[in-house]
Amino acid sequence: MNPQVEKDLKALEAEINELNDMLREVSDDVRAAGFSQYPLFVAHQEVKSVGDCILDRTEFDFPYSINATTLERFMELGLLSEDRKEAFTKAWGDPDTNLCVFWVNGEHTRFIFKPFKS
């Protein structure tokens, strides 16, 4: 992996750890309200129209802004196909205990599945 991409990924992981409680609360709220059983977060540095911004990086001095959206919205936008849904949700695991972040870093994109901290 490119050393700069690796450094950027470590910065995102540190941010996710710091925002754990907020991300868990948003995830719980989305599922409790019945919007989706699979709330998804988008981490980006440029303005992205996927989802609703829940954290603006410039306001909080974080490396990435975070948007909240859903698996269903990703499928509507064609970012994930129906034939990949089962494998994707299996990789995700239980959304009660795990989160999914779609990381957009210039030309690099990646899904990150990570357990919420206790």
PDB file of N, CA and C in Angstrom:
ATOM      1  N   MET A   1       0.853  -1.181   0.000  1.00  0.00           N
ATOM      2  CA  MET A   1       0.000   0.000   0.000  1.00  0.00           C
ATOM      3  C   MET A   1       0.897   1.243   0.000  1.00  0.00           C
ATOM      4  N   ASN A   2       0.468   2.239  -0.704  1.00  0.00           N
ATOM      5  CA  ASN A   2       1.151   3.529  -0.768  1.00  0.00           C
ATOM      6  C   ASN A   2       1.324   4.082   0.650  1.00  0.00           C
ATOM      7  N   PRO A   3       2.522   4.543   1.024  1.00  0.00           N
ATOM      8  CA  PRO A   3       2.747   5.041   2.394  1.00  0.00           C
ATOM      9  C   PRO A   3       1.819   6.202   2.777  1.00  0.00           C
ATOM     10  N   GLN A   4       1.501   7.090   1.841  1.00  0.00           N
ATOM     11  CA  GLN A   4       0.602   8.204   2.160  1.00  0.00           C
ATOM     12  C   GLN A   4      -0.813   7.704   2.406  1.00  0.00           C
ATOM     13  N   VAL A   5      -1.256   6.752   1.606  1.00  0.00           N
ATOM     14  CA  VAL A   5      -2.591   6.170   1.791  1.00  0.00           C
ATOM     15  C   VAL A   5      -2.657   5.464   3.140  1.00  0.00           C
ATOM     16  N   GLU A   6      -1.597   4.746   3.488  1.00  0.00           N
ATOM     17  CA  GLU A   6      -1.538   4.061   4.778  1.00  0.00           C
ATOM     18  C   GLU A   6      -1.604   5.067   5.932  1.00  0.00           C
ATOM     19  N   LYS A   7      -0.888   6.184   5.803  1.00  0.00           N
ATOM     20  CA  LYS A   7      -0.913   7.236   6.821  1.00  0.00           C
ATOM     21  C   LYS A   7      -2.318   7.834   6.942  1.00  0.00           C
ATOM     22  N   ASP A   8      -2.962   8.078   5.795  1.00  0.00           N
ATOM     23  CA  ASP A   8      -4.323   8.630   5.797  1.00  0.00           C
ATOM     24  C   ASP A   8      -5.308   7.660   6.436  1.00  0.00           C
ATOM     25  N   LEU A   9      -5.142   6.386   6.166  1.00  0.00           N
ATOM     26  CA  LEU A   9      -6.014   5.364   6.748  1.00  0.00           C
ATOM     27  C   LEU A   9      -5.850   5.311   8.265  1.00  0.00           C
ATOM     28  N   LYS A  10      -4.621   5.429   8.752  1.00  0.00           N
ATOM     29  CA  LYS A  10      -4.385   5.453  10.207  1.00  0.00           C
ATOM     30  C   LYS A  10      -5.029   6.682  10.844  1.00  0.00           C
ATOM     31  N   ALA A  11      -4.994   7.822  10.154  1.00  0.00           N
ATOM     32  CA  ALA A  11      -5.648   9.037  10.659  1.00  0.00           C
ATOM     33  C   ALA A  11      -7.158   8.823  10.752  1.00  0.00           C
ATOM     34  N   LEU A  12      -7.739   8.168   9.758  1.00  0.00           N
ATOM     35  CA  LEU A  12      -9.174   7.878   9.793  1.00  0.00           C
ATOM     36  C   LEU A  12      -9.498   6.930  10.945  1.00  0.00           C
ATOM     37  N   GLU A  13      -8.709   5.896  11.125  1.00  0.00           N
ATOM     38  CA  GLU A  13      -8.975   4.951  12.211  1.00  0.00           C
ATOM     39  C   GLU A  13      -8.907   5.633  13.571  1.00  0.00           C
ATOM     40  N   ALA A  14      -7.967   6.561  13.745  1.00  0.00           N
ATOM     41  CA  ALA A  14      -7.887   7.308  15.003  1.00  0.00           C
ATOM     42  C   ALA A  14      -9.130   8.168  15.186  1.00  0.00           C
ATOM     43  N   GLU A  15      -9.606   8.783  14.106  1.00  0.00           N
ATOM     44  CA  GLU A  15     -10.815   9.606  14.174  1.00  0.00           C
ATOM     45  C   GLU A  15     -12.027   8.748  14.530  1.00  0.00           C
ATOM     46  N   ILE A  16     -12.145   7.592  13.906  1.00  0.00           N
ATOM     47  CA  ILE A  16     -13.270   6.688  14.201  1.00  0.00           C
ATOM     48  C   ILE A  16     -13.247   6.292  15.676  1.00  0.00           C
ATOM     49  N   ASN A  17     -12.076   5.988  16.198  1.00  0.00           N
ATOM     50  CA  ASN A  17     -11.971   5.622  17.611  1.00  0.00           C
ATOM     51  C   ASN A  17     -12.421   6.775  18.501  1.00  0.00           C
ATOM     52  N   GLU A  18     -12.027   7.987  18.150  1.00  0.00           N
ATOM     53  CA  GLU A  18     -12.408   9.148  18.951  1.00  0.00           C
ATOM     54  C   GLU A  18     -13.908   9.439  18.875  1.00  0.00           C
ATOM     55  N   LEU A  19     -14.504   9.128  17.738  1.00  0.00           N
ATOM     56  CA  LEU A  19     -15.927   9.412  17.514  1.00  0.00           C
ATOM     57  C   LEU A  19     -16.821   8.206  17.791  1.00  0.00           C
ATOM     58  N   ASN A  20     -16.275   7.167  18.373  1.00  0.00           N
ATOM     59  CA  ASN A  20     -16.995   5.920  18.580  1.00  0.00           C
ATOM     60  C   ASN A  20     -18.390   6.125  19.185  1.00  0.00           C
ATOM     61  N   ASP A  21     -18.485   6.856  20.269  1.00  0.00           N
ATOM     62  CA  ASP A  21     -19.775   7.006  20.955  1.00  0.00           C
ATOM     63  C   ASP A  21     -20.798   7.721  20.078  1.00  0.00           C
ATOM     64  N   MET A  22     -20.356   8.766  19.364  1.00  0.00           N
ATOM     65  CA  MET A  22     -21.270   9.495  18.490  1.00  0.00           C
ATOM     66  C   MET A  22     -21.730   8.605  17.332  1.00  0.00           C
ATOM     67  N   LEU A  23     -20.816   7.883  16.718  1.00  0.00           N
ATOM     68  CA  LEU A  23     -21.180   7.016  15.598  1.00  0.00           C
ATOM     69  C   LEU A  23     -22.120   5.911  16.053  1.00  0.00           C
ATOM     70  N   ARG A  24     -21.868   5.366  17.228  1.00  0.00           N
ATOM     71  CA  ARG A  24     -22.761   4.327  17.763  1.00  0.00           C
ATOM     72  C   ARG A  24     -24.163   4.900  18.012  1.00  0.00           C
ATOM     73  N   GLU A  25     -24.229   6.100  18.559  1.00  0.00           N
ATOM     74  CA  GLU A  25     -25.530   6.721  18.825  1.00  0.00           C
ATOM     75  C   GLU A  25     -26.301   6.963  17.525  1.00  0.00           C
ATOM     76  N   VAL A  26     -25.633   7.473  16.516  1.00  0.00           N
ATOM     77  CA  VAL A  26     -26.296   7.693  15.221  1.00  0.00           C
ATOM     78  C   VAL A  26     -26.761   6.363  14.648  1.00  0.00           C
ATOM     79  N   SER A  27     -25.915   5.353  14.697  1.00  0.00           N
ATOM     80  CA  SER A  27     -26.280   4.036  14.194  1.00  0.00           C
ATOM     81  C   SER A  27     -27.500   3.485  14.933  1.00  0.00           C
ATOM     82  N   ASP A  28     -27.477   3.572  16.243  1.00  0.00           N
ATOM     83  CA  ASP A  28     -28.611   3.095  17.049  1.00  0.00           C
ATOM     84  C   ASP A  28     -29.892   3.857  16.707  1.00  0.00           C
ATOM     85  N   ASP A  29     -29.787   5.179  16.541  1.00  0.00           N
ATOM     86  CA  ASP A  29     -30.961   6.007  16.225  1.00  0.00           C
ATOM     87  C   ASP A  29     -31.546   5.648  14.859  1.00  0.00           C
ATOM     88  N   VAL A  30     -30.684   5.449  13.869  1.00  0.00           N
ATOM     89  CA  VAL A  30     -31.159   5.100  12.524  1.00  0.00           C
ATOM     90  C   VAL A  30     -31.893   3.761  12.551  1.00  0.00           C
ATOM     91  N   ARG A  31     -31.325   2.795  13.265  1.00  0.00           N
ATOM     92  CA  ARG A  31     -31.967   1.483  13.337  1.00  0.00           C
ATOM     93  C   ARG A  31     -33.249   1.527  14.168  1.00  0.00           C
ATOM     94  N   ALA A  32     -33.231   2.251  15.285  1.00  0.00           N
ATOM     95  CA  ALA A  32     -34.415   2.338  16.154  1.00  0.00           C
ATOM     96  C   ALA A  32     -35.578   3.043  15.447  1.00  0.00           C
ATOM     97  N   ALA A  33     -35.255   4.029  14.608  1.00  0.00           N
ATOM     98  CA  ALA A  33     -36.297   4.761  13.885  1.00  0.00           C
ATOM     99  C   ALA A  33     -36.829   3.974  12.690  1.00  0.00           C
ATOM    100  N   GLY A  34     -36.191   2.864  12.366  1.00  0.00           N
ATOM    101  CA  GLY A  34     -36.656   2.021  11.271  1.00  0.00           C
ATOM    102  C   GLY A  34     -36.215   2.496   9.888  1.00  0.00           C
ATOM    103  N   PHE A  35     -35.269   3.432   9.814  1.00  0.00           N
ATOM    104  CA  PHE A  35     -34.786   3.893   8.510  1.00  0.00           C
ATOM    105  C   PHE A  35     -34.013   2.797   7.791  1.00  0.00           C
ATOM    106  N   SER A  36     -33.217   2.040   8.539  1.00  0.00           N
ATOM    107  CA  SER A  36     -32.402   0.978   7.966  1.00  0.00           C
ATOM    108  C   SER A  36     -31.827   0.139   9.094  1.00  0.00           C
ATOM    109  N   GLN A  37     -31.586  -1.110   8.811  1.00  0.00           N
ATOM    110  CA  GLN A  37     -30.850  -1.945   9.761  1.00  0.00           C
ATOM    111  C   GLN A  37     -29.350  -1.854   9.515  1.00  0.00           C
ATOM    112  N   TYR A  38     -28.977  -1.146   8.434  1.00  0.00           N
ATOM    113  CA  TYR A  38     -27.565  -1.005   8.076  1.00  0.00           C
ATOM    114  C   TYR A  38     -27.190   0.453   7.841  1.00  0.00           C
ATOM    115  N   PRO A  39     -27.022   1.234   8.925  1.00  0.00           N
ATOM    116  CA  PRO A  39     -26.539   2.607   8.781  1.00  0.00           C
ATOM    117  C   PRO A  39     -25.064   2.582   8.369  1.00  0.00           C
ATOM    118  N   LEU A  40     -24.725   3.458   7.476  1.00  0.00           N
ATOM    119  CA  LEU A  40     -23.395   3.477   6.879  1.00  0.00           C
ATOM    120  C   LEU A  40     -22.825   4.879   7.019  1.00  0.00           C
ATOM    121  N   PHE A  41     -21.528   4.982   7.229  1.00  0.00           N
ATOM    122  CA  PHE A  41     -20.878   6.290   7.360  1.00  0.00           C
ATOM    123  C   PHE A  41     -19.919   6.502   6.190  1.00  0.00           C
ATOM    124  N   VAL A  42     -19.868   7.727   5.696  1.00  0.00           N
ATOM    125  CA  VAL A  42     -18.973   8.090   4.603  1.00  0.00           C
ATOM    126  C   VAL A  42     -17.957   9.077   5.159  1.00  0.00           C
ATOM    127  N   ALA A  43     -16.674   8.731   5.066  1.00  0.00           N
ATOM    128  CA  ALA A  43     -15.589   9.614   5.514  1.00  0.00           C
ATOM    129  C   ALA A  43     -14.951  10.229   4.279  1.00  0.00           C
ATOM    130  N   HIS A  44     -14.868  11.566   4.257  1.00  0.00           N
ATOM    131  CA  HIS A  44     -14.373  12.257   3.064  1.00  0.00           C
ATOM    132  C   HIS A  44     -13.741  13.589   3.451  1.00  0.00           C
ATOM    133  N   GLN A  45     -12.971  14.148   2.539  1.00  0.00           N
ATOM    134  CA  GLN A  45     -12.369  15.454   2.760  1.00  0.00           C
ATOM    135  C   GLN A  45     -12.963  16.516   1.859  1.00  0.00           C
ATOM    136  N   GLU A  46     -13.692  16.110   0.862  1.00  0.00           N
ATOM    137  CA  GLU A  46     -14.361  17.038  -0.035  1.00  0.00           C
ATOM    138  C   GLU A  46     -15.857  16.916   0.200  1.00  0.00           C
ATOM    139  N   VAL A  47     -16.592  17.886  -0.280  1.00  0.00           N
ATOM    140  CA  VAL A  47     -18.042  17.863  -0.104  1.00  0.00           C
ATOM    141  C   VAL A  47     -18.616  16.674  -0.863  1.00  0.00           C
ATOM    142  N   LYS A  48     -19.291  15.798  -0.161  1.00  0.00           N
ATOM    143  CA  LYS A  48     -19.927  14.624  -0.752  1.00  0.00           C
ATOM    144  C   LYS A  48     -21.428  14.713  -0.512  1.00  0.00           C
ATOM    145  N   SER A  49     -22.177  14.359  -1.535  1.00  0.00           N
ATOM    146  CA  SER A  49     -23.630  14.466  -1.418  1.00  0.00           C
ATOM    147  C   SER A  49     -24.284  13.170  -0.965  1.00  0.00           C
ATOM    148  N   VAL A  50     -23.497  12.160  -0.644  1.00  0.00           N
ATOM    149  CA  VAL A  50     -24.065  10.899  -0.173  1.00  0.00           C
ATOM    150  C   VAL A  50     -24.291  11.001   1.328  1.00  0.00           C
ATOM    151  N   GLY A  51     -25.551  11.009   1.722  1.00  0.00           N
ATOM    152  CA  GLY A  51     -25.884  11.048   3.143  1.00  0.00           C
ATOM    153  C   GLY A  51     -25.926  12.463   3.699  1.00  0.00           C
ATOM    154  N   ASP A  52     -26.145  12.521   4.991  1.00  0.00           N
ATOM    155  CA  ASP A  52     -26.232  13.787   5.719  1.00  0.00           C
ATOM    156  C   ASP A  52     -24.969  13.980   6.542  1.00  0.00           C
ATOM    157  N   CYS A  53     -24.408  15.178   6.465  1.00  0.00           N
ATOM    158  CA  CYS A  53     -23.192  15.478   7.212  1.00  0.00           C
ATOM    159  C   CYS A  53     -23.505  15.488   8.714  1.00  0.00           C
ATOM    160  N   ILE A  54     -22.778  14.671   9.463  1.00  0.00           N
ATOM    161  CA  ILE A  54     -22.949  14.665  10.919  1.00  0.00           C
ATOM    162  C   ILE A  54     -21.730  15.254  11.616  1.00  0.00           C
ATOM    163  N   LEU A  55     -20.629  15.412  10.848  1.00  0.00           N
ATOM    164  CA  LEU A  55     -19.436  16.026  11.413  1.00  0.00           C
ATOM    165  C   LEU A  55     -18.654  16.687  10.282  1.00  0.00           C
ATOM    166  N   ASP A  56     -18.493  18.003  10.393  1.00  0.00           N
ATOM    167  CA  ASP A  56     -17.721  18.756   9.414  1.00  0.00           C
ATOM    168  C   ASP A  56     -16.284  18.868   9.919  1.00  0.00           C
ATOM    169  N   ARG A  57     -15.352  18.360   9.180  1.00  0.00           N
ATOM    170  CA  ARG A  57     -13.958  18.302   9.626  1.00  0.00           C
ATOM    171  C   ARG A  57     -13.382  19.674   9.949  1.00  0.00           C
ATOM    172  N   THR A  58     -13.835  20.715   9.247  1.00  0.00           N
ATOM    173  CA  THR A  58     -13.285  22.049   9.491  1.00  0.00           C
ATOM    174  C   THR A  58     -13.736  22.615  10.831  1.00  0.00           C
ATOM    175  N   GLU A  59     -14.912  22.207  11.285  1.00  0.00           N
ATOM    176  CA  GLU A  59     -15.424  22.703  12.570  1.00  0.00           C
ATOM    177  C   GLU A  59     -14.760  22.011  13.756  1.00  0.00           C
ATOM    178  N   PHE A  60     -14.328  20.778  13.563  1.00  0.00           N
ATOM    179  CA  PHE A  60     -13.822  19.985  14.683  1.00  0.00           C
ATOM    180  C   PHE A  60     -12.347  19.621  14.550  1.00  0.00           C
ATOM    181  N   ASP A  61     -11.688  20.155  13.530  1.00  0.00           N
ATOM    182  CA  ASP A  61     -10.265  19.902  13.305  1.00  0.00           C
ATOM    183  C   ASP A  61      -9.954  18.408  13.229  1.00  0.00           C
ATOM    184  N   PHE A  62     -10.776  17.693  12.451  1.00  0.00           N
ATOM    185  CA  PHE A  62     -10.560  16.279  12.176  1.00  0.00           C
ATOM    186  C   PHE A  62     -10.067  16.136  10.746  1.00  0.00           C
ATOM    187  N   PRO A  63      -9.417  15.031  10.416  1.00  0.00           N
ATOM    188  CA  PRO A  63      -8.951  14.858   9.037  1.00  0.00           C
ATOM    189  C   PRO A  63     -10.085  14.603   8.031  1.00  0.00           C
ATOM    190  N   TYR A  64     -11.213  14.070   8.500  1.00  0.00           N
ATOM    191  CA  TYR A  64     -12.302  13.722   7.595  1.00  0.00           C
ATOM    192  C   TYR A  64     -13.641  14.224   8.122  1.00  0.00           C
ATOM    193  N   SER A  65     -14.499  14.643   7.184  1.00  0.00           N
ATOM    194  CA  SER A  65     -15.900  14.875   7.505  1.00  0.00           C
ATOM    195  C   SER A  65     -16.593  13.523   7.465  1.00  0.00           C
ATOM    196  N   ILE A  66     -17.678  13.404   8.213  1.00  0.00           N
ATOM    197  CA  ILE A  66     -18.421  12.141   8.267  1.00  0.00           C
ATOM    198  C   ILE A  66     -19.880  12.410   7.898  1.00  0.00           C
ATOM    199  N   ASN A  67     -20.375  11.646   6.937  1.00  0.00           N
ATOM    200  CA  ASN A  67     -21.781  11.681   6.565  1.00  0.00           C
ATOM    201  C   ASN A  67     -22.422  10.370   7.002  1.00  0.00           C
ATOM    202  N   ALA A  68     -23.701  10.428   7.315  1.00  0.00           N
ATOM    203  CA  ALA A  68     -24.461   9.218   7.653  1.00  0.00           C
ATOM    204  C   ALA A  68     -25.423   8.924   6.503  1.00  0.00           C
ATOM    205  N   THR A  69     -25.499   7.667   6.134  1.00  0.00           N
ATOM    206  CA  THR A  69     -26.418   7.225   5.094  1.00  0.00           C
ATOM    207  C   THR A  69     -26.800   5.776   5.415  1.00  0.00           C
ATOM    208  N   THR A  70     -27.307   5.071   4.436  1.00  0.00           N
ATOM    209  CA  THR A  70     -27.734   3.686   4.660  1.00  0.00           C
ATOM    210  C   THR A  70     -27.261   2.782   3.521  1.00  0.00           C
ATOM    211  N   LEU A  71     -27.223   1.513   3.799  1.00  0.00           N
ATOM    212  CA  LEU A  71     -26.900   0.522   2.779  1.00  0.00           C
ATOM    213  C   LEU A  71     -27.886   0.635   1.617  1.00  0.00           C
ATOM    214  N   GLU A  72     -29.148   0.823   1.933  1.00  0.00           N
ATOM    215  CA  GLU A  72     -30.165   0.925   0.889  1.00  0.00           C
ATOM    216  C   GLU A  72     -29.882   2.106  -0.045  1.00  0.00           C
ATOM    217  N   ARG A  73     -29.453   3.233   0.515  1.00  0.00           N
ATOM    218  CA  ARG A  73     -29.139   4.408  -0.310  1.00  0.00           C
ATOM    219  C   ARG A  73     -27.938   4.120  -1.207  1.00  0.00           C
ATOM    220  N   PHE A  74     -26.938   3.413  -0.695  1.00  0.00           N
ATOM    221  CA  PHE A  74     -25.785   3.038  -1.508  1.00  0.00           C
ATOM    222  C   PHE A  74     -26.227   2.189  -2.685  1.00  0.00           C
ATOM    223  N   MET A  75     -27.188   1.309  -2.444  1.00  0.00           N
ATOM    224  CA  MET A  75     -27.688   0.457  -3.517  1.00  0.00           C
ATOM    225  C   MET A  75     -28.492   1.283  -4.524  1.00  0.00           C
ATOM    226  N   GLU A  76     -29.305   2.215  -4.038  1.00  0.00           N
ATOM    227  CA  GLU A  76     -30.063   3.089  -4.946  1.00  0.00           C
ATOM    228  C   GLU A  76     -29.138   3.872  -5.861  1.00  0.00           C
ATOM    229  N   LEU A  77     -28.006   4.316  -5.334  1.00  0.00           N
ATOM    230  CA  LEU A  77     -27.047   5.109  -6.101  1.00  0.00           C
ATOM    231  C   LEU A  77     -26.135   4.256  -6.977  1.00  0.00           C
ATOM    232  N   GLY A  78     -26.259   2.942  -6.871  1.00  0.00           N
ATOM    233  CA  GLY A  78     -25.433   2.048  -7.671  1.00  0.00           C
ATOM    234  C   GLY A  78     -24.015   1.889  -7.142  1.00  0.00           C
ATOM    235  N   LEU A  79     -23.793   2.281  -5.889  1.00  0.00           N
ATOM    236  CA  LEU A  79     -22.470   2.131  -5.293  1.00  0.00           C
ATOM    237  C   LEU A  79     -22.234   0.715  -4.777  1.00  0.00           C
ATOM    238  N   LEU A  80     -23.313  -0.025  -4.639  1.00  0.00           N
ATOM    239  CA  LEU A  80     -23.251  -1.431  -4.252  1.00  0.00           C
ATOM    240  C   LEU A  80     -24.376  -2.145  -4.986  1.00  0.00           C
ATOM    241  N   SER A  81     -24.059  -3.235  -5.650  1.00  0.00           N
ATOM    242  CA  SER A  81     -25.069  -3.944  -6.432  1.00  0.00           C
ATOM    243  C   SER A  81     -25.803  -4.976  -5.576  1.00  0.00           C
ATOM    244  N   GLU A  82     -26.983  -5.308  -6.004  1.00  0.00           N
ATOM    245  CA  GLU A  82     -27.833  -6.277  -5.296  1.00  0.00           C
ATOM    246  C   GLU A  82     -27.126  -7.623  -5.151  1.00  0.00           C
ATOM    247  N   ASP A  83     -26.394  -8.034  -6.179  1.00  0.00           N
ATOM    248  CA  ASP A  83     -25.734  -9.340  -6.118  1.00  0.00           C
ATOM    249  C   ASP A  83     -24.565  -9.363  -5.130  1.00  0.00           C
ATOM    250  N   ARG A  84     -24.133  -8.222  -4.644  1.00  0.00           N
ATOM    251  CA  ARG A  84     -23.048  -8.160  -3.655  1.00  0.00           C
ATOM    252  C   ARG A  84     -23.567  -7.939  -2.235  1.00  0.00           C
ATOM    253  N   LYS A  85     -24.857  -7.707  -2.107  1.00  0.00           N
ATOM    254  CA  LYS A  85     -25.424  -7.351  -0.809  1.00  0.00           C
ATOM    255  C   LYS A  85     -25.185  -8.424   0.254  1.00  0.00           C
ATOM    256  N   GLU A  86     -25.416  -9.677  -0.069  1.00  0.00           N
ATOM    257  CA  GLU A  86     -25.269 -10.740   0.932  1.00  0.00           C
ATOM    258  C   GLU A  86     -23.825 -10.846   1.424  1.00  0.00           C
ATOM    259  N   ALA A  87     -22.869 -10.833   0.517  1.00  0.00           N
ATOM    260  CA  ALA A  87     -21.453 -10.896   0.909  1.00  0.00           C
ATOM    261  C   ALA A  87     -21.064  -9.661   1.717  1.00  0.00           C
ATOM    262  N   PHE A  88     -21.610  -8.508   1.321  1.00  0.00           N
ATOM    263  CA  PHE A  88     -21.300  -7.261   2.008  1.00  0.00           C
ATOM    264  C   PHE A  88     -21.803  -7.296   3.452  1.00  0.00           C
ATOM    265  N   THR A  89     -23.060  -7.679   3.655  1.00  0.00           N
ATOM    266  CA  THR A  89     -23.610  -7.711   5.013  1.00  0.00           C
ATOM    267  C   THR A  89     -22.944  -8.802   5.852  1.00  0.00           C
ATOM    268  N   LYS A  90     -22.503  -9.871   5.214  1.00  0.00           N
ATOM    269  CA  LYS A  90     -21.760 -10.907   5.951  1.00  0.00           C
ATOM    270  C   LYS A  90     -20.421 -10.354   6.431  1.00  0.00           C
ATOM    271  N   ALA A  91     -19.727  -9.606   5.568  1.00  0.00           N
ATOM    272  CA  ALA A  91     -18.452  -8.985   5.964  1.00  0.00           C
ATOM    273  C   ALA A  91     -18.674  -7.961   7.072  1.00  0.00           C
ATOM    274  N   TRP A  92     -19.793  -7.262   7.023  1.00  0.00           N
ATOM    275  CA  TRP A  92     -20.129  -6.245   8.025  1.00  0.00           C
ATOM    276  C   TRP A  92     -20.341  -6.895   9.382  1.00  0.00           C
ATOM    277  N   GLY A  93     -21.064  -7.985   9.392  1.00  0.00           N
ATOM    278  CA  GLY A  93     -21.406  -8.628  10.658  1.00  0.00           C
ATOM    279  C   GLY A  93     -22.639  -7.982  11.260  1.00  0.00           C
ATOM    280  N   ASP A  94     -22.738  -8.014  12.550  1.00  0.00           N
ATOM    281  CA  ASP A  94     -23.898  -7.500  13.277  1.00  0.00           C
ATOM    282  C   ASP A  94     -23.812  -5.982  13.400  1.00  0.00           C
ATOM    283  N   PRO A  95     -24.745  -5.229  12.798  1.00  0.00           N
ATOM    284  CA  PRO A  95     -24.695  -3.766  12.887  1.00  0.00           C
ATOM    285  C   PRO A  95     -24.963  -3.232  14.299  1.00  0.00           C
ATOM    286  N   ASP A  96     -25.401  -4.106  15.212  1.00  0.00           N
ATOM    287  CA  ASP A  96     -25.528  -3.693  16.614  1.00  0.00           C
ATOM    288  C   ASP A  96     -24.144  -3.514  17.245  1.00  0.00           C
ATOM    289  N   THR A  97     -23.179  -4.269  16.752  1.00  0.00           N
ATOM    290  CA  THR A  97     -21.851  -4.241  17.361  1.00  0.00           C
ATOM    291  C   THR A  97     -20.745  -3.761  16.417  1.00  0.00           C
ATOM    292  N   ASN A  98     -21.038  -3.679  15.111  1.00  0.00           N
ATOM    293  CA  ASN A  98     -20.038  -3.286  14.121  1.00  0.00           C
ATOM    294  C   ASN A  98     -20.514  -2.097  13.295  1.00  0.00           C
ATOM    295  N   LEU A  99     -19.554  -1.305  12.855  1.00  0.00           N
ATOM    296  CA  LEU A  99     -19.899  -0.189  11.990  1.00  0.00           C
ATOM    297  C   LEU A  99     -19.209  -0.353  10.647  1.00  0.00           C
ATOM    298  N   CYS A 100     -19.743   0.352   9.647  1.00  0.00           N
ATOM    299  CA  CYS A 100     -19.162   0.346   8.315  1.00  0.00           C
ATOM    300  C   CYS A 100     -18.919   1.789   7.910  1.00  0.00           C
ATOM    301  N   VAL A 101     -17.700   2.032   7.442  1.00  0.00           N
ATOM    302  CA  VAL A 101     -17.325   3.354   6.944  1.00  0.00           C
ATOM    303  C   VAL A 101     -16.864   3.190   5.503  1.00  0.00           C
ATOM    304  N   PHE A 102     -17.422   4.016   4.620  1.00  0.00           N
ATOM    305  CA  PHE A 102     -16.949   4.087   3.245  1.00  0.00           C
ATOM    306  C   PHE A 102     -15.981   5.250   3.188  1.00  0.00           C
ATOM    307  N   TRP A 103     -14.728   4.940   2.954  1.00  0.00           N
ATOM    308  CA  TRP A 103     -13.652   5.928   2.988  1.00  0.00           C
ATOM    309  C   TRP A 103     -13.362   6.402   1.575  1.00  0.00           C
ATOM    310  N   VAL A 104     -13.460   7.719   1.374  1.00  0.00           N
ATOM    311  CA  VAL A 104     -13.156   8.337   0.089  1.00  0.00           C
ATOM    312  C   VAL A 104     -11.945   9.228   0.316  1.00  0.00           C
ATOM    313  N   ASN A 105     -10.830   8.856  -0.320  1.00  0.00           N
ATOM    314  CA  ASN A 105      -9.579   9.594  -0.154  1.00  0.00           C
ATOM    315  C   ASN A 105      -8.995   9.814  -1.546  1.00  0.00           C
ATOM    316  N   GLY A 106      -9.430  10.901  -2.194  1.00  0.00           N
ATOM    317  CA  GLY A 106      -8.998  11.143  -3.568  1.00  0.00           C
ATOM    318  C   GLY A 106      -9.502  10.030  -4.454  1.00  0.00           C
ATOM    319  N   GLU A 107      -8.591   9.370  -5.148  1.00  0.00           N
ATOM    320  CA  GLU A 107      -8.975   8.279  -6.034  1.00  0.00           C
ATOM    321  C   GLU A 107      -9.121   6.950  -5.307  1.00  0.00           C
ATOM    322  N   HIS A 108      -8.766   6.919  -4.019  1.00  0.00           N
ATOM    323  CA  HIS A 108      -8.837   5.691  -3.234  1.00  0.00           C
ATOM    324  C   HIS A 108     -10.168   5.641  -2.482  1.00  0.00           C
ATOM    325  N   THR A 109     -10.825   4.506  -2.572  1.00  0.00           N
ATOM    326  CA  THR A 109     -12.036   4.259  -1.789  1.00  0.00           C
ATOM    327  C   THR A 109     -11.914   2.876  -1.168  1.00  0.00           C
ATOM    328  N   ARG A 110     -12.556   2.738  -0.022  1.00  0.00           N
ATOM    329  CA  ARG A 110     -12.479   1.455   0.678  1.00  0.00           C
ATOM    330  C   ARG A 110     -13.603   1.382   1.700  1.00  0.00           C
ATOM    331  N   PHE A 111     -14.176   0.196   1.840  1.00  0.00           N
ATOM    332  CA  PHE A 111     -15.102  -0.052   2.935  1.00  0.00           C
ATOM    333  C   PHE A 111     -14.290  -0.525   4.123  1.00  0.00           C
ATOM    334  N   ILE A 112     -14.590   0.020   5.289  1.00  0.00           N
ATOM    335  CA  ILE A 112     -13.924  -0.356   6.522  1.00  0.00           C
ATOM    336  C   ILE A 112     -14.984  -0.879   7.478  1.00  0.00           C
ATOM    337  N   PHE A 113     -14.825  -2.104   7.935  1.00  0.00           N
ATOM    338  CA  PHE A 113     -15.724  -2.701   8.911  1.00  0.00           C
ATOM    339  C   PHE A 113     -14.963  -2.781  10.218  1.00  0.00           C
ATOM    340  N   LYS A 114     -15.582  -2.301  11.273  1.00  0.00           N
ATOM    341  CA  LYS A 114     -14.879  -2.184  12.550  1.00  0.00           C
ATOM    342  C   LYS A 114     -15.878  -2.349  13.688  1.00  0.00           C
ATOM    343  N   PRO A 115     -15.502  -3.079  14.734  1.00  0.00           N
ATOM    344  CA  PRO A 115     -16.403  -3.171  15.884  1.00  0.00           C
ATOM    345  C   PRO A 115     -16.451  -1.838  16.639  1.00  0.00           C
ATOM    346  N   PHE A 116     -17.630  -1.524  17.145  1.00  0.00           N
ATOM    347  CA  PHE A 116     -17.736  -0.386  18.059  1.00  0.00           C
ATOM    348  C   PHE A 116     -16.952  -0.736  19.315  1.00  0.00           C
ATOM    349  N   LYS A 117     -16.313   0.263  19.910  1.00  0.00           N
ATOM    350  CA  LYS A 117     -15.659   0.029  21.204  1.00  0.00           C
ATOM    351  C   LYS A 117     -16.742  -0.121  22.262  1.00  0.00           C
ATOM    352  N   SER A 118     -16.463  -0.922  23.248  1.00  0.00           N
ATOM    353  CA  SER A 118     -17.438  -1.135  24.346  1.00  0.00           C
ATOM    354  C   SER A 118     -17.541   0.089  25.202  1.00  0.00           C
TER     355      SER A 118
END
